[in-house]
Amino acid sequence: MRIISDFTNIPGCAVALGNFDGLHIAHMKILNECIAYANKNGLKSGVLIFENHTGTIIDNSDIKVLTPHKEKLAIISGLGLDFAFVKTFDNSFMKLSPRDFFDYLINKLNAKAIFAGFDYTFGYKASGNATFLKKLGKEKKIDINIINEIDIDSVPVSSTLIRDMVSNGKIDTANKYLGRPYEISGKVVYGKQNGRKLGLPTANVEYEANKLLPSDGVYAGFLIMNEKKYKCLINIGMNPTFNAEVRTLEAHIADFSGDLYGKYVTVQFIRKIREEKKFISPEELRIQIESDLISSGIKKPNQ
């Protein structure tokens, strides 16, 4: 997949539109249909991606996202798209009228077909919608494809809903809507090494400032490094037993003896085991972690 930002000499293509935060199952439907259409009609397939979430400009919100820009591109690159058109969403772009935005797609991206979700809005103050997009397409003879709502258990799939689930620790449900485990990637850095002092060393994983963390607590999941996948116990929070001053993400792999410092890893969340709590002593915390390892299936009793 080519990443394009200069928008020159682009062949005729089918373009998918949306914020695509989370790249959940409804987003995947839009992208996969765009790819299938392009392949069938001799076009290139592409997606318009903004480096920043539109909410950071529209209402100046400090939104925490499910998929920061680099992560989003990494996921999209594996789908089979020909292009990712990368654009910074700024004030001037925000103020484009729906018609001007549509012309931008045609003149800059050479769009011959457009794909979007049923609730897609565009143009200044979100004044354009799927119905108006179809109207513009008819005027300009551009094929407009609107993807219907996708539900799970009669609940519409949306990024807003998934962000709420992740924020409240409902990871197992969020994963159903995403279509894959929620994950955070980053470099393993030095921490306070409290886990090592307990005989249970943990990988302290850096994360992007705008990445949404699950609620504080202990989770069962996986740590992926160099294409190897290890069962792990994940803790998010302030480590109240040790009176920590910063929120951290730490992963413990049972019976792992390698050095992870400086390595780039991905942590996948499967389910929440319990809330974070302050223990009377480090030894009490160690006993609880051993119990968590067994209850989560990471370790067998007496292992």
C-alpha atoms as a PDB file:
ATOM      1  CA  MET A   1       0.000   0.000   0.000  1.00  0.00           C
ATOM      2  CA  ARG A   2       1.371   3.399  -1.006  1.00  0.00           C
ATOM      3  CA  ILE A   3       1.023   6.284   1.423  1.00  0.00           C
ATOM      4  CA  ILE A   4       0.380   9.474  -0.537  1.00  0.00           C
ATOM      5  CA  SER A   5       0.276  13.061   0.654  1.00  0.00           C
ATOM      6  CA  ASP A   6       1.145  15.075  -2.460  1.00  0.00           C
ATOM      7  CA  PHE A   7      -1.894  13.919  -4.467  1.00  0.00           C
ATOM      8  CA  THR A   8      -0.306  14.034  -7.925  1.00  0.00           C
ATOM      9  CA  ASN A   9      -0.665  11.594 -10.800  1.00  0.00           C
ATOM     10  CA  ILE A  10      -3.191   9.437  -8.957  1.00  0.00           C
ATOM     11  CA  PRO A  11      -5.002   6.960 -11.203  1.00  0.00           C
ATOM     12  CA  GLY A  12      -8.771   6.647 -11.152  1.00  0.00           C
ATOM     13  CA  CYS A  13      -9.762   5.052  -7.881  1.00  0.00           C
ATOM     14  CA  ALA A  14     -12.490   4.014  -5.481  1.00  0.00           C
ATOM     15  CA  VAL A  15     -12.126   5.915  -2.184  1.00  0.00           C
ATOM     16  CA  ALA A  16     -13.369   4.995   1.295  1.00  0.00           C
ATOM     17  CA  LEU A  17     -14.281   7.878   3.631  1.00  0.00           C
ATOM     18  CA  GLY A  18     -14.570   8.121   7.404  1.00  0.00           C
ATOM     19  CA  ASN A  19     -12.647   8.790  10.621  1.00  0.00           C
ATOM     20  CA  PHE A  20     -12.083   5.032  10.936  1.00  0.00           C
ATOM     21  CA  ASP A  21     -11.118   5.255  14.609  1.00  0.00           C
ATOM     22  CA  GLY A  22     -10.827   1.683  15.827  1.00  0.00           C
ATOM     23  CA  LEU A  23     -11.197   0.129  12.389  1.00  0.00           C
ATOM     24  CA  HIS A  24     -14.038  -1.955  13.788  1.00  0.00           C
ATOM     25  CA  ILE A  25     -16.135  -4.477  11.873  1.00  0.00           C
ATOM     26  CA  ALA A  26     -18.356  -1.805  10.280  1.00  0.00           C
ATOM     27  CA  HIS A  27     -15.282   0.095   9.059  1.00  0.00           C
ATOM     28  CA  MET A  28     -13.866  -3.118   7.653  1.00  0.00           C
ATOM     29  CA  LYS A  29     -17.092  -3.658   5.705  1.00  0.00           C
ATOM     30  CA  ILE A  30     -16.669  -0.232   4.061  1.00  0.00           C
ATOM     31  CA  LEU A  31     -13.014  -0.827   3.212  1.00  0.00           C
ATOM     32  CA  ASN A  32     -13.469  -4.380   1.937  1.00  0.00           C
ATOM     33  CA  GLU A  33     -16.364  -3.384  -0.304  1.00  0.00           C
ATOM     34  CA  CYS A  34     -14.273  -0.521  -1.672  1.00  0.00           C
ATOM     35  CA  ILE A  35     -11.445  -2.934  -2.493  1.00  0.00           C
ATOM     36  CA  ALA A  36     -13.811  -5.465  -4.107  1.00  0.00           C
ATOM     37  CA  TYR A  37     -15.447  -2.756  -6.246  1.00  0.00           C
ATOM     38  CA  ALA A  38     -12.072  -1.400  -7.392  1.00  0.00           C
ATOM     39  CA  ASN A  39     -10.836  -4.864  -8.345  1.00  0.00           C
ATOM     40  CA  LYS A  40     -14.017  -5.609 -10.271  1.00  0.00           C
ATOM     41  CA  ASN A  41     -14.025  -2.293 -12.159  1.00  0.00           C
ATOM     42  CA  GLY A  42     -10.336  -1.931 -12.988  1.00  0.00           C
ATOM     43  CA  LEU A  43      -9.708   0.888 -10.502  1.00  0.00           C
ATOM     44  CA  LYS A  44      -7.221   1.429  -7.714  1.00  0.00           C
ATOM     45  CA  SER A  45      -8.570   1.348  -4.161  1.00  0.00           C
ATOM     46  CA  GLY A  46      -7.792   3.985  -1.568  1.00  0.00           C
ATOM     47  CA  VAL A  47      -8.827   5.446   1.772  1.00  0.00           C
ATOM     48  CA  LEU A  48      -8.673   9.070   2.884  1.00  0.00           C
ATOM     49  CA  ILE A  49      -7.031   9.185   6.313  1.00  0.00           C
ATOM     50  CA  PHE A  50      -6.608  12.222   8.537  1.00  0.00           C
ATOM     51  CA  GLU A  51      -3.452  12.319  10.667  1.00  0.00           C
ATOM     52  CA  ASN A  52      -5.476  13.797  13.525  1.00  0.00           C
ATOM     53  CA  HIS A  53      -9.008  13.022  14.685  1.00  0.00           C
ATOM     54  CA  THR A  54     -11.431  15.601  13.259  1.00  0.00           C
ATOM     55  CA  GLY A  55     -12.761  16.281  16.770  1.00  0.00           C
ATOM     56  CA  THR A  56      -9.455  17.898  17.731  1.00  0.00           C
ATOM     57  CA  ILE A  57     -10.220  20.736  15.285  1.00  0.00           C
ATOM     58  CA  ILE A  58     -14.025  20.811  15.120  1.00  0.00           C
ATOM     59  CA  ASP A  59     -14.633  21.162  18.872  1.00  0.00           C
ATOM     60  CA  ASN A  60     -11.036  21.415  20.150  1.00  0.00           C
ATOM     61  CA  SER A  61     -11.484  18.184  22.100  1.00  0.00           C
ATOM     62  CA  ASP A  62      -8.590  16.239  23.589  1.00  0.00           C
ATOM     63  CA  ILE A  63     -10.049  12.980  22.356  1.00  0.00           C
ATOM     64  CA  LYS A  64      -8.353   9.701  23.224  1.00  0.00           C
ATOM     65  CA  VAL A  65      -8.489   7.424  20.197  1.00  0.00           C
ATOM     66  CA  LEU A  66      -8.718   3.678  19.706  1.00  0.00           C
ATOM     67  CA  THR A  67      -6.202   3.734  16.862  1.00  0.00           C
ATOM     68  CA  PRO A  68      -3.589   6.512  16.672  1.00  0.00           C
ATOM     69  CA  HIS A  69      -2.392   7.391  13.178  1.00  0.00           C
ATOM     70  CA  LYS A  70       0.533   4.949  12.912  1.00  0.00           C
ATOM     71  CA  GLU A  71      -1.517   2.068  14.277  1.00  0.00           C
ATOM     72  CA  LYS A  72      -4.349   2.854  11.886  1.00  0.00           C
ATOM     73  CA  LEU A  73      -1.999   2.797   8.897  1.00  0.00           C
ATOM     74  CA  ALA A  74      -0.446  -0.482  10.095  1.00  0.00           C
ATOM     75  CA  ILE A  75      -3.859  -2.173  10.214  1.00  0.00           C
ATOM     76  CA  ILE A  76      -5.019  -0.720   6.896  1.00  0.00           C
ATOM     77  CA  SER A  77      -1.818  -1.767   5.141  1.00  0.00           C
ATOM     78  CA  GLY A  78      -2.760  -5.415   5.556  1.00  0.00           C
ATOM     79  CA  LEU A  79      -6.166  -5.139   3.871  1.00  0.00           C
ATOM     80  CA  GLY A  80      -5.090  -4.953   0.227  1.00  0.00           C
ATOM     81  CA  LEU A  81      -5.717  -1.275  -0.467  1.00  0.00           C
ATOM     82  CA  ASP A  82      -3.557   0.364  -3.127  1.00  0.00           C
ATOM     83  CA  PHE A  83      -3.366   3.795  -1.480  1.00  0.00           C
ATOM     84  CA  ALA A  84      -3.780   5.605   1.809  1.00  0.00           C
ATOM     85  CA  PHE A  85      -4.330   9.306   1.101  1.00  0.00           C
ATOM     86  CA  VAL A  86      -2.986  11.064   4.210  1.00  0.00           C
ATOM     87  CA  LYS A  87      -4.195  14.566   5.015  1.00  0.00           C
ATOM     88  CA  THR A  88      -3.938  16.836   8.077  1.00  0.00           C
ATOM     89  CA  PHE A  89      -7.397  17.970   9.152  1.00  0.00           C
ATOM     90  CA  ASP A  90      -6.994  21.697   9.833  1.00  0.00           C
ATOM     91  CA  ASN A  91      -9.216  24.772  10.067  1.00  0.00           C
ATOM     92  CA  SER A  92      -9.152  25.523   6.352  1.00  0.00           C
ATOM     93  CA  PHE A  93     -10.076  21.950   5.454  1.00  0.00           C
ATOM     94  CA  MET A  94     -12.783  21.928   8.124  1.00  0.00           C
ATOM     95  CA  LYS A  95     -14.408  24.984   6.525  1.00  0.00           C
ATOM     96  CA  LEU A  96     -14.813  23.391   3.094  1.00  0.00           C
ATOM     97  CA  SER A  97     -18.459  23.200   2.097  1.00  0.00           C
ATOM     98  CA  PRO A  98     -19.806  19.711   1.341  1.00  0.00           C
ATOM     99  CA  ARG A  99     -19.688  20.506  -2.366  1.00  0.00           C
ATOM    100  CA  ASP A 100     -16.104  21.798  -2.183  1.00  0.00           C
ATOM    101  CA  PHE A 101     -15.063  18.695  -0.259  1.00  0.00           C
ATOM    102  CA  PHE A 102     -16.673  16.517  -2.922  1.00  0.00           C
ATOM    103  CA  ASP A 103     -14.809  18.414  -5.637  1.00  0.00           C
ATOM    104  CA  TYR A 104     -11.580  17.868  -3.688  1.00  0.00           C
ATOM    105  CA  LEU A 105     -12.168  14.103  -3.863  1.00  0.00           C
ATOM    106  CA  ILE A 106     -12.667  14.259  -7.613  1.00  0.00           C
ATOM    107  CA  ASN A 107      -9.937  16.758  -8.524  1.00  0.00           C
ATOM    108  CA  LYS A 108      -7.220  15.760  -6.047  1.00  0.00           C
ATOM    109  CA  LEU A 109      -7.840  12.037  -5.531  1.00  0.00           C
ATOM    110  CA  ASN A 110      -9.305  11.309  -8.964  1.00  0.00           C
ATOM    111  CA  ALA A 111     -12.193   9.485  -7.280  1.00  0.00           C
ATOM    112  CA  LYS A 112     -14.446   7.521  -9.621  1.00  0.00           C
ATOM    113  CA  ALA A 113     -16.389   5.796  -6.829  1.00  0.00           C
ATOM    114  CA  ILE A 114     -16.895   6.648  -3.148  1.00  0.00           C
ATOM    115  CA  PHE A 115     -17.674   4.405  -0.176  1.00  0.00           C
ATOM    116  CA  ALA A 116     -18.938   5.602   3.204  1.00  0.00           C
ATOM    117  CA  GLY A 117     -21.052   4.519   6.140  1.00  0.00           C
ATOM    118  CA  PHE A 118     -24.768   5.278   6.492  1.00  0.00           C
ATOM    119  CA  ASP A 119     -24.063   7.926   9.179  1.00  0.00           C
ATOM    120  CA  TYR A 120     -21.201   9.640   7.355  1.00  0.00           C
ATOM    121  CA  THR A 121     -21.172  13.450   7.511  1.00  0.00           C
ATOM    122  CA  PHE A 122     -18.828  15.840   5.730  1.00  0.00           C
ATOM    123  CA  GLY A 123     -18.236  19.494   4.966  1.00  0.00           C
ATOM    124  CA  TYR A 124     -18.441  22.528   7.229  1.00  0.00           C
ATOM    125  CA  LYS A 125     -20.371  21.871  10.440  1.00  0.00           C
ATOM    126  CA  ALA A 126     -21.091  18.335   9.164  1.00  0.00           C
ATOM    127  CA  SER A 127     -23.748  19.809   6.875  1.00  0.00           C
ATOM    128  CA  GLY A 128     -23.361  17.070   4.271  1.00  0.00           C
ATOM    129  CA  ASN A 129     -24.718  13.558   4.831  1.00  0.00           C
ATOM    130  CA  ALA A 130     -25.087  10.282   2.944  1.00  0.00           C
ATOM    131  CA  THR A 131     -28.201  11.516   1.110  1.00  0.00           C
ATOM    132  CA  PHE A 132     -26.434  14.662  -0.113  1.00  0.00           C
ATOM    133  CA  LEU A 133     -23.375  12.606  -1.056  1.00  0.00           C
ATOM    134  CA  LYS A 134     -25.597  10.506  -3.337  1.00  0.00           C
ATOM    135  CA  LYS A 135     -27.040  13.696  -4.856  1.00  0.00           C
ATOM    136  CA  LEU A 136     -23.550  15.042  -5.628  1.00  0.00           C
ATOM    137  CA  GLY A 137     -22.541  11.703  -7.063  1.00  0.00           C
ATOM    138  CA  LYS A 138     -25.508  11.714  -9.415  1.00  0.00           C
ATOM    139  CA  GLU A 139     -24.627  15.232 -10.578  1.00  0.00           C
ATOM    140  CA  LYS A 140     -20.989  14.368 -11.268  1.00  0.00           C
ATOM    141  CA  LYS A 141     -21.614  10.769 -12.419  1.00  0.00           C
ATOM    142  CA  ILE A 142     -19.597   9.349  -9.508  1.00  0.00           C
ATOM    143  CA  ASP A 143     -20.739   6.001  -8.122  1.00  0.00           C
ATOM    144  CA  ILE A 144     -21.699   6.474  -4.448  1.00  0.00           C
ATOM    145  CA  ASN A 145     -21.888   3.385  -2.241  1.00  0.00           C
ATOM    146  CA  ILE A 146     -23.393   3.777   1.241  1.00  0.00           C
ATOM    147  CA  ILE A 147     -22.844   0.875   3.631  1.00  0.00           C
ATOM    148  CA  ASN A 148     -25.750   0.056   5.931  1.00  0.00           C
ATOM    149  CA  GLU A 149     -25.586  -0.079   9.721  1.00  0.00           C
ATOM    150  CA  ILE A 150     -24.052  -3.200  11.273  1.00  0.00           C
ATOM    151  CA  ASP A 151     -25.446  -4.436  14.599  1.00  0.00           C
ATOM    152  CA  ILE A 152     -24.253  -6.891  17.235  1.00  0.00           C
ATOM    153  CA  ASP A 153     -26.941  -8.092  19.632  1.00  0.00           C
ATOM    154  CA  SER A 154     -29.230  -5.411  18.153  1.00  0.00           C
ATOM    155  CA  VAL A 155     -26.738  -2.658  19.069  1.00  0.00           C
ATOM    156  CA  PRO A 156     -25.185  -0.569  16.236  1.00  0.00           C
ATOM    157  CA  VAL A 157     -21.404  -0.837  15.988  1.00  0.00           C
ATOM    158  CA  SER A 158     -19.726   2.544  16.463  1.00  0.00           C
ATOM    159  CA  SER A 159     -16.385   3.970  17.550  1.00  0.00           C
ATOM    160  CA  THR A 160     -18.096   6.014  20.274  1.00  0.00           C
ATOM    161  CA  LEU A 161     -19.647   2.887  21.766  1.00  0.00           C
ATOM    162  CA  ILE A 162     -16.341   0.988  21.653  1.00  0.00           C
ATOM    163  CA  ARG A 163     -14.457   3.874  23.282  1.00  0.00           C
ATOM    164  CA  ASP A 164     -17.011   3.786  26.103  1.00  0.00           C
ATOM    165  CA  MET A 165     -16.565   0.018  26.489  1.00  0.00           C
ATOM    166  CA  VAL A 166     -12.773   0.278  26.609  1.00  0.00           C
ATOM    167  CA  SER A 167     -12.921   3.167  29.080  1.00  0.00           C
ATOM    168  CA  ASN A 168     -15.092   1.064  31.376  1.00  0.00           C
ATOM    169  CA  GLY A 169     -12.978  -2.088  31.117  1.00  0.00           C
ATOM    170  CA  LYS A 170     -15.541  -4.026  29.069  1.00  0.00           C
ATOM    171  CA  ILE A 171     -12.766  -5.366  26.877  1.00  0.00           C
ATOM    172  CA  ASP A 172     -14.323  -8.701  25.959  1.00  0.00           C
ATOM    173  CA  THR A 173     -17.400  -6.907  24.559  1.00  0.00           C
ATOM    174  CA  ALA A 174     -15.316  -4.218  22.853  1.00  0.00           C
ATOM    175  CA  ASN A 175     -13.307  -6.952  21.129  1.00  0.00           C
ATOM    176  CA  LYS A 176     -16.524  -8.362  19.596  1.00  0.00           C
ATOM    177  CA  TYR A 177     -17.303  -4.990  18.043  1.00  0.00           C
ATOM    178  CA  LEU A 178     -13.724  -4.441  16.913  1.00  0.00           C
ATOM    179  CA  GLY A 179     -13.465  -7.917  15.411  1.00  0.00           C
ATOM    180  CA  ARG A 180     -10.057  -8.405  17.082  1.00  0.00           C
ATOM    181  CA  PRO A 181      -8.415  -7.883  20.491  1.00  0.00           C
ATOM    182  CA  TYR A 182      -7.879  -4.312  21.615  1.00  0.00           C
ATOM    183  CA  GLU A 183      -4.157  -3.677  21.650  1.00  0.00           C
ATOM    184  CA  ILE A 184      -1.497  -1.165  22.625  1.00  0.00           C
ATOM    185  CA  SER A 185       1.994  -1.120  21.124  1.00  0.00           C
ATOM    186  CA  GLY A 186       5.117   0.552  22.396  1.00  0.00           C
ATOM    187  CA  LYS A 187       8.671   0.233  23.595  1.00  0.00           C
ATOM    188  CA  VAL A 188       9.513  -1.490  26.873  1.00  0.00           C
ATOM    189  CA  VAL A 189      11.117   1.077  29.179  1.00  0.00           C
ATOM    190  CA  TYR A 190      12.615   1.070  32.655  1.00  0.00           C
ATOM    191  CA  GLY A 191      10.168   1.562  35.511  1.00  0.00           C
ATOM    192  CA  LYS A 192      10.436   1.294  39.289  1.00  0.00           C
ATOM    193  CA  GLN A 193      11.133  -2.473  38.951  1.00  0.00           C
ATOM    194  CA  ASN A 194       8.692  -3.247  41.756  1.00  0.00           C
ATOM    195  CA  GLY A 195       7.577  -6.410  39.966  1.00  0.00           C
ATOM    196  CA  ARG A 196      11.162  -7.651  39.773  1.00  0.00           C
ATOM    197  CA  LYS A 197      11.535  -7.099  43.527  1.00  0.00           C
ATOM    198  CA  LEU A 198       8.511  -9.365  44.033  1.00  0.00           C
ATOM    199  CA  GLY A 199      10.019 -12.041  41.802  1.00  0.00           C
ATOM    200  CA  LEU A 200       7.432 -11.198  39.139  1.00  0.00           C
ATOM    201  CA  PRO A 201       9.197  -8.943  36.592  1.00  0.00           C
ATOM    202  CA  THR A 202       6.970  -6.865  34.332  1.00  0.00           C
ATOM    203  CA  ALA A 203       7.425  -5.087  31.007  1.00  0.00           C
ATOM    204  CA  ASN A 204       6.642  -1.382  31.421  1.00  0.00           C
ATOM    205  CA  VAL A 205       5.210  -0.446  28.008  1.00  0.00           C
ATOM    206  CA  GLU A 206       5.226   3.100  26.644  1.00  0.00           C
ATOM    207  CA  TYR A 207       2.073   4.227  24.860  1.00  0.00           C
ATOM    208  CA  GLU A 208       1.068   7.173  22.689  1.00  0.00           C
ATOM    209  CA  ALA A 209      -0.358  10.149  24.576  1.00  0.00           C
ATOM    210  CA  ASN A 210      -3.616  10.137  22.575  1.00  0.00           C
ATOM    211  CA  LYS A 211      -4.151   6.356  22.849  1.00  0.00           C
ATOM    212  CA  LEU A 212      -7.177   5.352  24.917  1.00  0.00           C
ATOM    213  CA  LEU A 213      -6.224   3.108  27.827  1.00  0.00           C
ATOM    214  CA  PRO A 214      -8.673   0.628  29.320  1.00  0.00           C
ATOM    215  CA  SER A 215      -9.850   1.457  32.836  1.00  0.00           C
ATOM    216  CA  ASP A 216      -7.435   0.791  35.681  1.00  0.00           C
ATOM    217  CA  GLY A 217      -7.259  -2.829  36.719  1.00  0.00           C
ATOM    218  CA  VAL A 218      -5.818  -6.241  35.940  1.00  0.00           C
ATOM    219  CA  TYR A 219      -6.407  -7.948  32.582  1.00  0.00           C
ATOM    220  CA  ALA A 220      -5.648 -11.273  30.956  1.00  0.00           C
ATOM    221  CA  GLY A 221      -4.076 -10.937  27.549  1.00  0.00           C
ATOM    222  CA  PHE A 222      -1.104 -11.523  25.307  1.00  0.00           C
ATOM    223  CA  LEU A 223       2.241  -9.878  24.679  1.00  0.00           C
ATOM    224  CA  ILE A 224       3.538 -10.115  21.100  1.00  0.00           C
ATOM    225  CA  MET A 225       7.222  -9.645  20.339  1.00  0.00           C
ATOM    226  CA  ASN A 226       9.088 -10.642  17.188  1.00  0.00           C
ATOM    227  CA  GLU A 227       5.942 -12.430  15.956  1.00  0.00           C
ATOM    228  CA  LYS A 228       5.878 -14.613  19.090  1.00  0.00           C
ATOM    229  CA  LYS A 229       2.779 -14.510  21.298  1.00  0.00           C
ATOM    230  CA  TYR A 230       2.937 -15.000  25.071  1.00  0.00           C
ATOM    231  CA  LYS A 231       0.109 -15.220  27.590  1.00  0.00           C
ATOM    232  CA  CYS A 232       0.447 -12.385  30.069  1.00  0.00           C
ATOM    233  CA  LEU A 233      -1.135 -10.560  32.978  1.00  0.00           C
ATOM    234  CA  ILE A 234      -1.567  -6.821  32.361  1.00  0.00           C
ATOM    235  CA  ASN A 235      -1.907  -4.105  34.973  1.00  0.00           C
ATOM    236  CA  ILE A 236      -3.022  -0.562  34.214  1.00  0.00           C
ATOM    237  CA  GLY A 237      -3.015   2.043  36.937  1.00  0.00           C
ATOM    238  CA  MET A 238      -1.107   3.924  39.598  1.00  0.00           C
ATOM    239  CA  ASN A 239       0.326   0.954  41.536  1.00  0.00           C
ATOM    240  CA  PRO A 240      -1.228   2.174  44.811  1.00  0.00           C
ATOM    241  CA  THR A 241       0.621  -0.438  46.892  1.00  0.00           C
ATOM    242  CA  PHE A 242       3.856   1.355  45.963  1.00  0.00           C
ATOM    243  CA  ASN A 243       2.348   4.885  45.934  1.00  0.00           C
ATOM    244  CA  ALA A 244       3.314   5.456  42.299  1.00  0.00           C
ATOM    245  CA  GLU A 245       2.834   8.922  40.808  1.00  0.00           C
ATOM    246  CA  VAL A 246       2.200   8.058  37.154  1.00  0.00           C
ATOM    247  CA  ARG A 247      -0.223   5.762  35.368  1.00  0.00           C
ATOM    248  CA  THR A 248       1.544   2.805  33.814  1.00  0.00           C
ATOM    249  CA  LEU A 249       0.858  -0.181  31.593  1.00  0.00           C
ATOM    250  CA  GLU A 250       2.755  -3.259  32.750  1.00  0.00           C
ATOM    251  CA  ALA A 251       2.679  -6.824  31.441  1.00  0.00           C
ATOM    252  CA  HIS A 252       3.948  -9.933  33.238  1.00  0.00           C
ATOM    253  CA  ILE A 253       4.756 -13.071  31.258  1.00  0.00           C
ATOM    254  CA  ALA A 254       4.852 -16.144  33.476  1.00  0.00           C
ATOM    255  CA  ASP A 255       8.194 -17.965  33.489  1.00  0.00           C
ATOM    256  CA  PHE A 256       9.809 -15.612  30.945  1.00  0.00           C
ATOM    257  CA  SER A 257      13.512 -14.981  31.509  1.00  0.00           C
ATOM    258  CA  GLY A 258      14.519 -12.817  28.528  1.00  0.00           C
ATOM    259  CA  ASP A 259      15.433  -9.128  28.544  1.00  0.00           C
ATOM    260  CA  LEU A 260      12.635  -6.998  27.073  1.00  0.00           C
ATOM    261  CA  TYR A 261      14.094  -3.525  27.672  1.00  0.00           C
ATOM    262  CA  GLY A 262      14.153  -1.467  24.509  1.00  0.00           C
ATOM    263  CA  LYS A 263      12.069  -4.009  22.600  1.00  0.00           C
ATOM    264  CA  TYR A 264       8.951  -2.944  20.689  1.00  0.00           C
ATOM    265  CA  VAL A 265       5.979  -5.043  21.817  1.00  0.00           C
ATOM    266  CA  THR A 266       2.226  -5.237  21.379  1.00  0.00           C
ATOM    267  CA  VAL A 267      -0.064  -5.954  24.323  1.00  0.00           C
ATOM    268  CA  GLN A 268      -3.487  -7.427  23.552  1.00  0.00           C
ATOM    269  CA  PHE A 269      -6.331  -7.253  26.072  1.00  0.00           C
ATOM    270  CA  ILE A 270      -8.722 -10.220  26.309  1.00  0.00           C
ATOM    271  CA  ARG A 271     -10.733  -9.720  29.512  1.00  0.00           C
ATOM    272  CA  LYS A 272     -10.681  -7.825  32.778  1.00  0.00           C
ATOM    273  CA  ILE A 273      -9.967  -9.910  35.865  1.00  0.00           C
ATOM    274  CA  ARG A 274     -10.329  -7.410  38.684  1.00  0.00           C
ATOM    275  CA  GLU A 275     -10.055  -3.783  39.724  1.00  0.00           C
ATOM    276  CA  GLU A 276      -6.773  -2.313  40.894  1.00  0.00           C
ATOM    277  CA  LYS A 277      -6.487  -2.066  44.683  1.00  0.00           C
ATOM    278  CA  LYS A 278      -4.009  -1.095  47.361  1.00  0.00           C
ATOM    279  CA  PHE A 279      -2.603  -4.030  49.315  1.00  0.00           C
ATOM    280  CA  ILE A 280      -1.345  -3.930  52.880  1.00  0.00           C
ATOM    281  CA  SER A 281       2.097  -5.164  51.853  1.00  0.00           C
ATOM    282  CA  PRO A 282       4.116  -6.112  48.759  1.00  0.00           C
ATOM    283  CA  GLU A 283       3.868  -9.746  49.854  1.00  0.00           C
ATOM    284  CA  GLU A 284       0.075  -9.593  49.855  1.00  0.00           C
ATOM    285  CA  LEU A 285       0.248  -8.131  46.338  1.00  0.00           C
ATOM    286  CA  ARG A 286       2.563 -10.960  45.230  1.00  0.00           C
ATOM    287  CA  ILE A 287       0.113 -13.572  46.523  1.00  0.00           C
ATOM    288  CA  GLN A 288      -2.756 -11.863  44.673  1.00  0.00           C
ATOM    289  CA  ILE A 289      -0.789 -11.751  41.410  1.00  0.00           C
ATOM    290  CA  GLU A 290      -0.040 -15.471  41.701  1.00  0.00           C
ATOM    291  CA  SER A 291      -3.770 -16.039  42.188  1.00  0.00           C
ATOM    292  CA  ASP A 292      -4.554 -13.831  39.162  1.00  0.00           C
ATOM    293  CA  LEU A 293      -2.144 -15.849  37.014  1.00  0.00           C
ATOM    294  CA  ILE A 294      -3.958 -19.052  37.924  1.00  0.00           C
ATOM    295  CA  SER A 295      -7.531 -17.675  37.638  1.00  0.00           C
ATOM    296  CA  SER A 296      -6.742 -16.231  34.206  1.00  0.00           C
ATOM    297  CA  GLY A 297      -5.339 -19.551  32.959  1.00  0.00           C
ATOM    298  CA  ILE A 298      -1.858 -18.144  32.411  1.00  0.00           C
ATOM    299  CA  LYS A 299      -0.414 -20.549  34.979  1.00  0.00           C
ATOM    300  CA  LYS A 300      -1.611 -23.900  36.237  1.00  0.00           C
ATOM    301  CA  PRO A 301      -1.922 -24.504  39.989  1.00  0.00           C
ATOM    302  CA  ASN A 302       1.408 -25.580  41.535  1.00  0.00           C
ATOM    303  CA  GLN A 303       3.257 -24.664  38.331  1.00  0.00           C
END
